[in-house]
């Protein structure tokens, strides 16, 4: 699987994934789906969770991607609190997957190419500890796996600088507010009037190029429409 790791061109602009206030009131509830009993989870953060979610939701075997917060003190916490950088939380993707279709090792390797793991406490224009590159483990076995994949990617030298991704205990996880869930998907399907209530600039200039690149690089691994 390691041979699948490409060097993805990074496209960053000085923008933030913080949405306009109106988005909080207008966001619909994310549709709940049936999760099979054999499903597993992995948690990680790599900048704005909108970007991670938008890419991984397309990958075959990924059942659900939820935006949330982890890595800080006791919760629950809010987006405003996390955004101060004082809680220690990171914007986190909770990825639910079918291990019969995609392994945790695969998802961890993909994680290292869909964001820049060499940027410390930032990702492009998103700056702060809440945007750090981080893998969250729930037990010693998962910790060892994450450290092994991190070393593997580091040894392959696919990035020109050292990887700064941290491996941290998951601790308490908080699901993000509903307006954050499936943000790019809602933007992509929104009318021009609806897009005016959203962070359209960030979606068009930051997330959309990442999604397009992901589709190109993993075309044979995407879900069938």
C-alpha atoms as a PDB file:
ATOM      1  CA  UNK A   1       0.000   0.000   0.000  1.00  0.00           C
ATOM      2  CA  UNK A   2       2.879   2.371   0.649  1.00  0.00           C
ATOM      3  CA  UNK A   3       3.541   2.582  -3.089  1.00  0.00           C
ATOM      4  CA  UNK A   4       0.225   4.399  -3.473  1.00  0.00           C
ATOM      5  CA  UNK A   5       1.536   7.406  -1.544  1.00  0.00           C
ATOM      6  CA  UNK A   6       1.856  10.261  -4.032  1.00  0.00           C
ATOM      7  CA  UNK A   7       3.197  13.726  -3.385  1.00  0.00           C
ATOM      8  CA  UNK A   8       0.105  15.906  -3.633  1.00  0.00           C
ATOM      9  CA  UNK A   9       0.652  19.511  -4.620  1.00  0.00           C
ATOM     10  CA  UNK A  10      -0.334  21.737  -1.705  1.00  0.00           C
ATOM     11  CA  UNK A  11      -2.778  24.531  -2.475  1.00  0.00           C
ATOM     12  CA  UNK A  12      -3.100  26.986   0.392  1.00  0.00           C
ATOM     13  CA  UNK A  13      -4.496  30.513   0.628  1.00  0.00           C
ATOM     14  CA  UNK A  14      -4.691  32.959   3.495  1.00  0.00           C
ATOM     15  CA  UNK A  15      -8.215  32.057   4.539  1.00  0.00           C
ATOM     16  CA  UNK A  16      -9.959  30.504   7.478  1.00  0.00           C
ATOM     17  CA  UNK A  17     -12.487  27.677   7.680  1.00  0.00           C
ATOM     18  CA  UNK A  18     -14.581  29.708  10.149  1.00  0.00           C
ATOM     19  CA  UNK A  19     -18.082  30.044   8.662  1.00  0.00           C
ATOM     20  CA  UNK A  20     -20.288  33.138   8.726  1.00  0.00           C
ATOM     21  CA  UNK A  21     -22.672  33.248  11.681  1.00  0.00           C
ATOM     22  CA  UNK A  22     -25.723  32.691   9.503  1.00  0.00           C
ATOM     23  CA  UNK A  23     -24.484  29.190   8.640  1.00  0.00           C
ATOM     24  CA  UNK A  24     -25.073  28.080  12.222  1.00  0.00           C
ATOM     25  CA  UNK A  25     -28.800  28.627  11.956  1.00  0.00           C
ATOM     26  CA  UNK A  26     -29.369  27.306   8.432  1.00  0.00           C
ATOM     27  CA  UNK A  27     -27.373  24.066   8.430  1.00  0.00           C
ATOM     28  CA  UNK A  28     -29.566  20.949   8.093  1.00  0.00           C
ATOM     29  CA  UNK A  29     -29.116  17.876  10.237  1.00  0.00           C
ATOM     30  CA  UNK A  30     -26.655  15.411   8.739  1.00  0.00           C
ATOM     31  CA  UNK A  31     -28.538  12.293   7.713  1.00  0.00           C
ATOM     32  CA  UNK A  32     -27.819   9.352   9.972  1.00  0.00           C
ATOM     33  CA  UNK A  33     -26.728   6.130   8.315  1.00  0.00           C
ATOM     34  CA  UNK A  34     -26.752   2.502   9.302  1.00  0.00           C
ATOM     35  CA  UNK A  35     -23.290   1.439  10.450  1.00  0.00           C
ATOM     36  CA  UNK A  36     -22.464  -2.291  10.136  1.00  0.00           C
ATOM     37  CA  UNK A  37     -21.359  -4.137  13.264  1.00  0.00           C
ATOM     38  CA  UNK A  38     -17.842  -4.777  11.955  1.00  0.00           C
ATOM     39  CA  UNK A  39     -17.183  -1.060  11.347  1.00  0.00           C
ATOM     40  CA  UNK A  40     -14.113   0.529  12.937  1.00  0.00           C
ATOM     41  CA  UNK A  41     -13.028   4.086  13.663  1.00  0.00           C
ATOM     42  CA  UNK A  42      -9.882   6.176  13.391  1.00  0.00           C
ATOM     43  CA  UNK A  43      -9.397   9.762  14.584  1.00  0.00           C
ATOM     44  CA  UNK A  44      -7.007  12.350  13.197  1.00  0.00           C
ATOM     45  CA  UNK A  45      -6.600  16.059  12.530  1.00  0.00           C
ATOM     46  CA  UNK A  46      -4.888  17.793   9.628  1.00  0.00           C
ATOM     47  CA  UNK A  47      -6.013  21.393   9.515  1.00  0.00           C
ATOM     48  CA  UNK A  48      -9.605  22.414   8.848  1.00  0.00           C
ATOM     49  CA  UNK A  49     -11.882  19.415   9.304  1.00  0.00           C
ATOM     50  CA  UNK A  50     -13.980  20.491   6.324  1.00  0.00           C
ATOM     51  CA  UNK A  51     -11.053  19.603   4.040  1.00  0.00           C
ATOM     52  CA  UNK A  52     -10.385  16.178   5.554  1.00  0.00           C
ATOM     53  CA  UNK A  53     -14.070  15.278   5.515  1.00  0.00           C
ATOM     54  CA  UNK A  54     -14.649  16.396   1.924  1.00  0.00           C
ATOM     55  CA  UNK A  55     -11.860  14.162   0.640  1.00  0.00           C
ATOM     56  CA  UNK A  56     -12.288  11.007   2.700  1.00  0.00           C
ATOM     57  CA  UNK A  57     -16.058  10.815   2.249  1.00  0.00           C
ATOM     58  CA  UNK A  58     -15.368   9.891  -1.399  1.00  0.00           C
ATOM     59  CA  UNK A  59     -13.090   6.946  -0.584  1.00  0.00           C
ATOM     60  CA  UNK A  60     -14.437   3.416  -0.982  1.00  0.00           C
ATOM     61  CA  UNK A  61     -14.888   1.708   2.370  1.00  0.00           C
ATOM     62  CA  UNK A  62     -15.300   4.930   4.328  1.00  0.00           C
ATOM     63  CA  UNK A  63     -18.785   4.809   5.806  1.00  0.00           C
ATOM     64  CA  UNK A  64     -18.934   8.168   7.535  1.00  0.00           C
ATOM     65  CA  UNK A  65     -16.710  11.138   8.369  1.00  0.00           C
ATOM     66  CA  UNK A  66     -17.704  13.310  11.295  1.00  0.00           C
ATOM     67  CA  UNK A  67     -16.129  16.642  12.220  1.00  0.00           C
ATOM     68  CA  UNK A  68     -15.266  17.085  15.885  1.00  0.00           C
ATOM     69  CA  UNK A  69     -12.722  18.133  18.498  1.00  0.00           C
ATOM     70  CA  UNK A  70     -10.152  16.065  20.398  1.00  0.00           C
ATOM     71  CA  UNK A  71      -6.801  16.342  22.122  1.00  0.00           C
ATOM     72  CA  UNK A  72      -7.647  18.941  24.729  1.00  0.00           C
ATOM     73  CA  UNK A  73      -9.126  19.055  28.206  1.00  0.00           C
ATOM     74  CA  UNK A  74     -12.541  17.822  29.349  1.00  0.00           C
ATOM     75  CA  UNK A  75     -15.500  18.563  27.101  1.00  0.00           C
ATOM     76  CA  UNK A  76     -17.862  19.220  25.640  1.00  0.00           C
ATOM     77  CA  UNK A  77     -16.344  22.194  23.850  1.00  0.00           C
ATOM     78  CA  UNK A  78     -17.584  24.573  21.184  1.00  0.00           C
ATOM     79  CA  UNK A  79     -16.036  25.845  17.958  1.00  0.00           C
ATOM     80  CA  UNK A  80     -15.578  29.281  19.508  1.00  0.00           C
ATOM     81  CA  UNK A  81     -13.720  27.814  22.491  1.00  0.00           C
ATOM     82  CA  UNK A  82     -11.496  25.588  20.372  1.00  0.00           C
ATOM     83  CA  UNK A  83     -10.772  28.523  18.057  1.00  0.00           C
ATOM     84  CA  UNK A  84      -9.092  30.440  20.863  1.00  0.00           C
ATOM     85  CA  UNK A  85      -6.339  27.814  20.956  1.00  0.00           C
ATOM     86  CA  UNK A  86      -6.603  27.763  24.742  1.00  0.00           C
ATOM     87  CA  UNK A  87      -8.416  24.427  25.115  1.00  0.00           C
ATOM     88  CA  UNK A  88      -5.688  22.378  23.414  1.00  0.00           C
ATOM     89  CA  UNK A  89      -8.176  20.688  21.098  1.00  0.00           C
ATOM     90  CA  UNK A  90      -7.588  20.027  17.416  1.00  0.00           C
ATOM     91  CA  UNK A  91     -10.184  20.030  14.673  1.00  0.00           C
ATOM     92  CA  UNK A  92     -10.608  16.286  14.240  1.00  0.00           C
ATOM     93  CA  UNK A  93     -12.121  13.883  11.738  1.00  0.00           C
ATOM     94  CA  UNK A  94     -13.787  10.772  13.157  1.00  0.00           C
ATOM     95  CA  UNK A  95     -13.584   8.320  10.267  1.00  0.00           C
ATOM     96  CA  UNK A  96     -15.845   5.265  10.362  1.00  0.00           C
ATOM     97  CA  UNK A  97     -14.809   2.591   7.887  1.00  0.00           C
ATOM     98  CA  UNK A  98     -15.474  -0.953   6.739  1.00  0.00           C
ATOM     99  CA  UNK A  99     -12.277  -2.964   7.386  1.00  0.00           C
ATOM    100  CA  UNK A 100     -13.290  -5.418   4.669  1.00  0.00           C
ATOM    101  CA  UNK A 101     -12.883  -2.635   2.088  1.00  0.00           C
ATOM    102  CA  UNK A 102     -10.187  -0.359   3.501  1.00  0.00           C
ATOM    103  CA  UNK A 103      -7.732  -0.868   6.348  1.00  0.00           C
ATOM    104  CA  UNK A 104      -6.688   1.534   9.069  1.00  0.00           C
ATOM    105  CA  UNK A 105      -3.158   1.381   7.626  1.00  0.00           C
ATOM    106  CA  UNK A 106      -4.510   2.576   4.265  1.00  0.00           C
ATOM    107  CA  UNK A 107      -6.357   5.485   5.859  1.00  0.00           C
ATOM    108  CA  UNK A 108      -3.315   6.520   7.867  1.00  0.00           C
ATOM    109  CA  UNK A 109      -1.167   6.575   4.733  1.00  0.00           C
ATOM    110  CA  UNK A 110      -3.814   8.589   2.908  1.00  0.00           C
ATOM    111  CA  UNK A 111      -3.897  10.999   5.849  1.00  0.00           C
ATOM    112  CA  UNK A 112      -0.243  11.838   5.265  1.00  0.00           C
ATOM    113  CA  UNK A 113      -0.837  12.931   1.672  1.00  0.00           C
ATOM    114  CA  UNK A 114      -4.126  14.867   1.905  1.00  0.00           C
ATOM    115  CA  UNK A 115      -2.583  17.577   4.094  1.00  0.00           C
ATOM    116  CA  UNK A 116       0.929  18.896   4.721  1.00  0.00           C
ATOM    117  CA  UNK A 117       2.247  17.049   7.813  1.00  0.00           C
ATOM    118  CA  UNK A 118       5.371  19.227   7.909  1.00  0.00           C
ATOM    119  CA  UNK A 119       3.543  22.397   8.981  1.00  0.00           C
ATOM    120  CA  UNK A 120       3.629  22.983  12.734  1.00  0.00           C
ATOM    121  CA  UNK A 121       0.364  24.116  14.345  1.00  0.00           C
ATOM    122  CA  UNK A 122      -1.037  25.351  11.070  1.00  0.00           C
ATOM    123  CA  UNK A 123      -2.261  24.295   7.664  1.00  0.00           C
ATOM    124  CA  UNK A 124      -1.895  26.938   5.000  1.00  0.00           C
ATOM    125  CA  UNK A 125      -3.813  30.015   6.109  1.00  0.00           C
ATOM    126  CA  UNK A 126      -5.358  28.213   9.087  1.00  0.00           C
ATOM    127  CA  UNK A 127      -3.022  28.970  11.971  1.00  0.00           C
ATOM    128  CA  UNK A 128      -3.172  27.760  15.563  1.00  0.00           C
ATOM    129  CA  UNK A 129      -2.799  24.640  17.684  1.00  0.00           C
ATOM    130  CA  UNK A 130      -6.351  23.641  16.713  1.00  0.00           C
ATOM    131  CA  UNK A 131      -5.076  23.075  13.159  1.00  0.00           C
ATOM    132  CA  UNK A 132      -2.143  20.848  14.097  1.00  0.00           C
ATOM    133  CA  UNK A 133      -1.331  17.593  12.330  1.00  0.00           C
ATOM    134  CA  UNK A 134      -2.193  14.841  14.804  1.00  0.00           C
ATOM    135  CA  UNK A 135      -3.076  11.162  15.037  1.00  0.00           C
ATOM    136  CA  UNK A 136      -5.204  10.104  18.016  1.00  0.00           C
ATOM    137  CA  UNK A 137      -4.847   6.600  19.444  1.00  0.00           C
ATOM    138  CA  UNK A 138      -7.155   4.696  21.794  1.00  0.00           C
ATOM    139  CA  UNK A 139      -4.784   1.954  22.953  1.00  0.00           C
ATOM    140  CA  UNK A 140      -1.139   0.915  22.775  1.00  0.00           C
ATOM    141  CA  UNK A 141      -1.716  -1.245  19.699  1.00  0.00           C
ATOM    142  CA  UNK A 142      -3.143   1.662  17.727  1.00  0.00           C
ATOM    143  CA  UNK A 143      -0.384   3.958  18.994  1.00  0.00           C
ATOM    144  CA  UNK A 144       2.263   1.534  17.704  1.00  0.00           C
ATOM    145  CA  UNK A 145       0.497   1.320  14.335  1.00  0.00           C
ATOM    146  CA  UNK A 146       0.335   5.093  13.978  1.00  0.00           C
ATOM    147  CA  UNK A 147       3.971   5.541  14.904  1.00  0.00           C
ATOM    148  CA  UNK A 148       4.956   2.820  12.416  1.00  0.00           C
ATOM    149  CA  UNK A 149       3.054   4.429   9.542  1.00  0.00           C
ATOM    150  CA  UNK A 150       4.433   7.859  10.437  1.00  0.00           C
ATOM    151  CA  UNK A 151       7.984   6.461  10.323  1.00  0.00           C
ATOM    152  CA  UNK A 152       7.272   4.663   7.059  1.00  0.00           C
ATOM    153  CA  UNK A 153       6.074   7.866   5.395  1.00  0.00           C
ATOM    154  CA  UNK A 154       8.978   9.818   6.880  1.00  0.00           C
ATOM    155  CA  UNK A 155      11.495   7.269   5.598  1.00  0.00           C
ATOM    156  CA  UNK A 156      10.036   7.463   2.089  1.00  0.00           C
ATOM    157  CA  UNK A 157      10.910  11.183   1.987  1.00  0.00           C
ATOM    158  CA  UNK A 158       7.773  12.150   0.098  1.00  0.00           C
ATOM    159  CA  UNK A 159       7.846  15.535   1.842  1.00  0.00           C
ATOM    160  CA  UNK A 160      10.827  17.897   1.555  1.00  0.00           C
ATOM    161  CA  UNK A 161      10.745  18.760   5.275  1.00  0.00           C
ATOM    162  CA  UNK A 162      10.469  16.758   8.490  1.00  0.00           C
ATOM    163  CA  UNK A 163       7.039  15.468   9.482  1.00  0.00           C
ATOM    164  CA  UNK A 164       5.774  17.167  12.652  1.00  0.00           C
ATOM    165  CA  UNK A 165       2.595  15.102  13.125  1.00  0.00           C
ATOM    166  CA  UNK A 166       2.041  14.241  16.782  1.00  0.00           C
ATOM    167  CA  UNK A 167       0.666  10.929  18.074  1.00  0.00           C
ATOM    168  CA  UNK A 168      -1.573  11.617  21.056  1.00  0.00           C
ATOM    169  CA  UNK A 169      -4.119   9.783  23.237  1.00  0.00           C
ATOM    170  CA  UNK A 170      -7.673  10.431  22.066  1.00  0.00           C
ATOM    171  CA  UNK A 171      -9.093  11.341  25.445  1.00  0.00           C
ATOM    172  CA  UNK A 172     -12.522  12.934  25.282  1.00  0.00           C
ATOM    173  CA  UNK A 173     -13.961  13.543  21.823  1.00  0.00           C
ATOM    174  CA  UNK A 174     -16.688  16.111  21.094  1.00  0.00           C
ATOM    175  CA  UNK A 175     -18.758  16.106  17.908  1.00  0.00           C
ATOM    176  CA  UNK A 176     -18.645  19.519  16.233  1.00  0.00           C
ATOM    177  CA  UNK A 177     -21.712  21.665  15.755  1.00  0.00           C
ATOM    178  CA  UNK A 178     -24.151  20.502  13.098  1.00  0.00           C
ATOM    179  CA  UNK A 179     -23.318  23.349  10.704  1.00  0.00           C
ATOM    180  CA  UNK A 180     -19.801  21.932  10.343  1.00  0.00           C
ATOM    181  CA  UNK A 181     -20.966  18.484   9.205  1.00  0.00           C
ATOM    182  CA  UNK A 182     -20.670  17.758   5.455  1.00  0.00           C
ATOM    183  CA  UNK A 183     -19.883  21.441   4.933  1.00  0.00           C
ATOM    184  CA  UNK A 184     -18.308  21.153   1.492  1.00  0.00           C
ATOM    185  CA  UNK A 185     -20.975  18.730   0.270  1.00  0.00           C
ATOM    186  CA  UNK A 186     -23.652  21.245   1.241  1.00  0.00           C
ATOM    187  CA  UNK A 187     -21.687  24.018  -0.470  1.00  0.00           C
ATOM    188  CA  UNK A 188     -21.326  21.958  -3.661  1.00  0.00           C
ATOM    189  CA  UNK A 189     -25.084  21.337  -3.790  1.00  0.00           C
ATOM    190  CA  UNK A 190     -26.128  24.842  -2.706  1.00  0.00           C
ATOM    191  CA  UNK A 191     -27.776  27.529  -4.802  1.00  0.00           C
ATOM    192  CA  UNK A 192     -25.952  30.828  -5.407  1.00  0.00           C
ATOM    193  CA  UNK A 193     -28.130  32.456  -2.743  1.00  0.00           C
ATOM    194  CA  UNK A 194     -27.344  29.709  -0.232  1.00  0.00           C
ATOM    195  CA  UNK A 195     -23.626  29.979  -0.946  1.00  0.00           C
ATOM    196  CA  UNK A 196     -23.751  33.616   0.097  1.00  0.00           C
ATOM    197  CA  UNK A 197     -24.507  32.427   3.633  1.00  0.00           C
ATOM    198  CA  UNK A 198     -21.509  30.086   3.610  1.00  0.00           C
ATOM    199  CA  UNK A 199     -17.723  30.438   3.438  1.00  0.00           C
ATOM    200  CA  UNK A 200     -17.777  30.166  -0.340  1.00  0.00           C
ATOM    201  CA  UNK A 201     -14.304  31.636  -0.823  1.00  0.00           C
ATOM    202  CA  UNK A 202     -12.683  28.997   1.336  1.00  0.00           C
ATOM    203  CA  UNK A 203     -14.684  26.196  -0.288  1.00  0.00           C
ATOM    204  CA  UNK A 204     -13.817  27.319  -3.821  1.00  0.00           C
ATOM    205  CA  UNK A 205     -10.162  28.234  -3.278  1.00  0.00           C
ATOM    206  CA  UNK A 206      -9.018  25.714  -0.683  1.00  0.00           C
ATOM    207  CA  UNK A 207     -11.317  22.695  -0.462  1.00  0.00           C
ATOM    208  CA  UNK A 208     -12.339  22.357  -4.100  1.00  0.00           C
ATOM    209  CA  UNK A 209      -8.757  22.033  -5.457  1.00  0.00           C
ATOM    210  CA  UNK A 210      -8.012  19.409  -2.774  1.00  0.00           C
ATOM    211  CA  UNK A 211     -11.133  17.443  -3.710  1.00  0.00           C
ATOM    212  CA  UNK A 212     -10.249  17.612  -7.401  1.00  0.00           C
ATOM    213  CA  UNK A 213      -6.690  16.439  -6.707  1.00  0.00           C
ATOM    214  CA  UNK A 214      -7.975  13.624  -4.505  1.00  0.00           C
ATOM    215  CA  UNK A 215     -10.321  12.422  -7.248  1.00  0.00           C
ATOM    216  CA  UNK A 216      -7.456  12.384  -9.743  1.00  0.00           C
ATOM    217  CA  UNK A 217      -4.985  10.559  -7.487  1.00  0.00           C
ATOM    218  CA  UNK A 218      -7.399   7.969  -6.087  1.00  0.00           C
ATOM    219  CA  UNK A 219      -9.743   7.534  -9.047  1.00  0.00           C
ATOM    220  CA  UNK A 220      -9.681   3.743  -8.804  1.00  0.00           C
ATOM    221  CA  UNK A 221     -10.455   3.825  -5.071  1.00  0.00           C
ATOM    222  CA  UNK A 222     -13.482   6.097  -5.055  1.00  0.00           C
ATOM    223  CA  UNK A 223     -17.051   5.103  -4.304  1.00  0.00           C
ATOM    224  CA  UNK A 224     -19.247   4.407  -7.293  1.00  0.00           C
ATOM    225  CA  UNK A 225     -21.981   6.992  -7.759  1.00  0.00           C
END
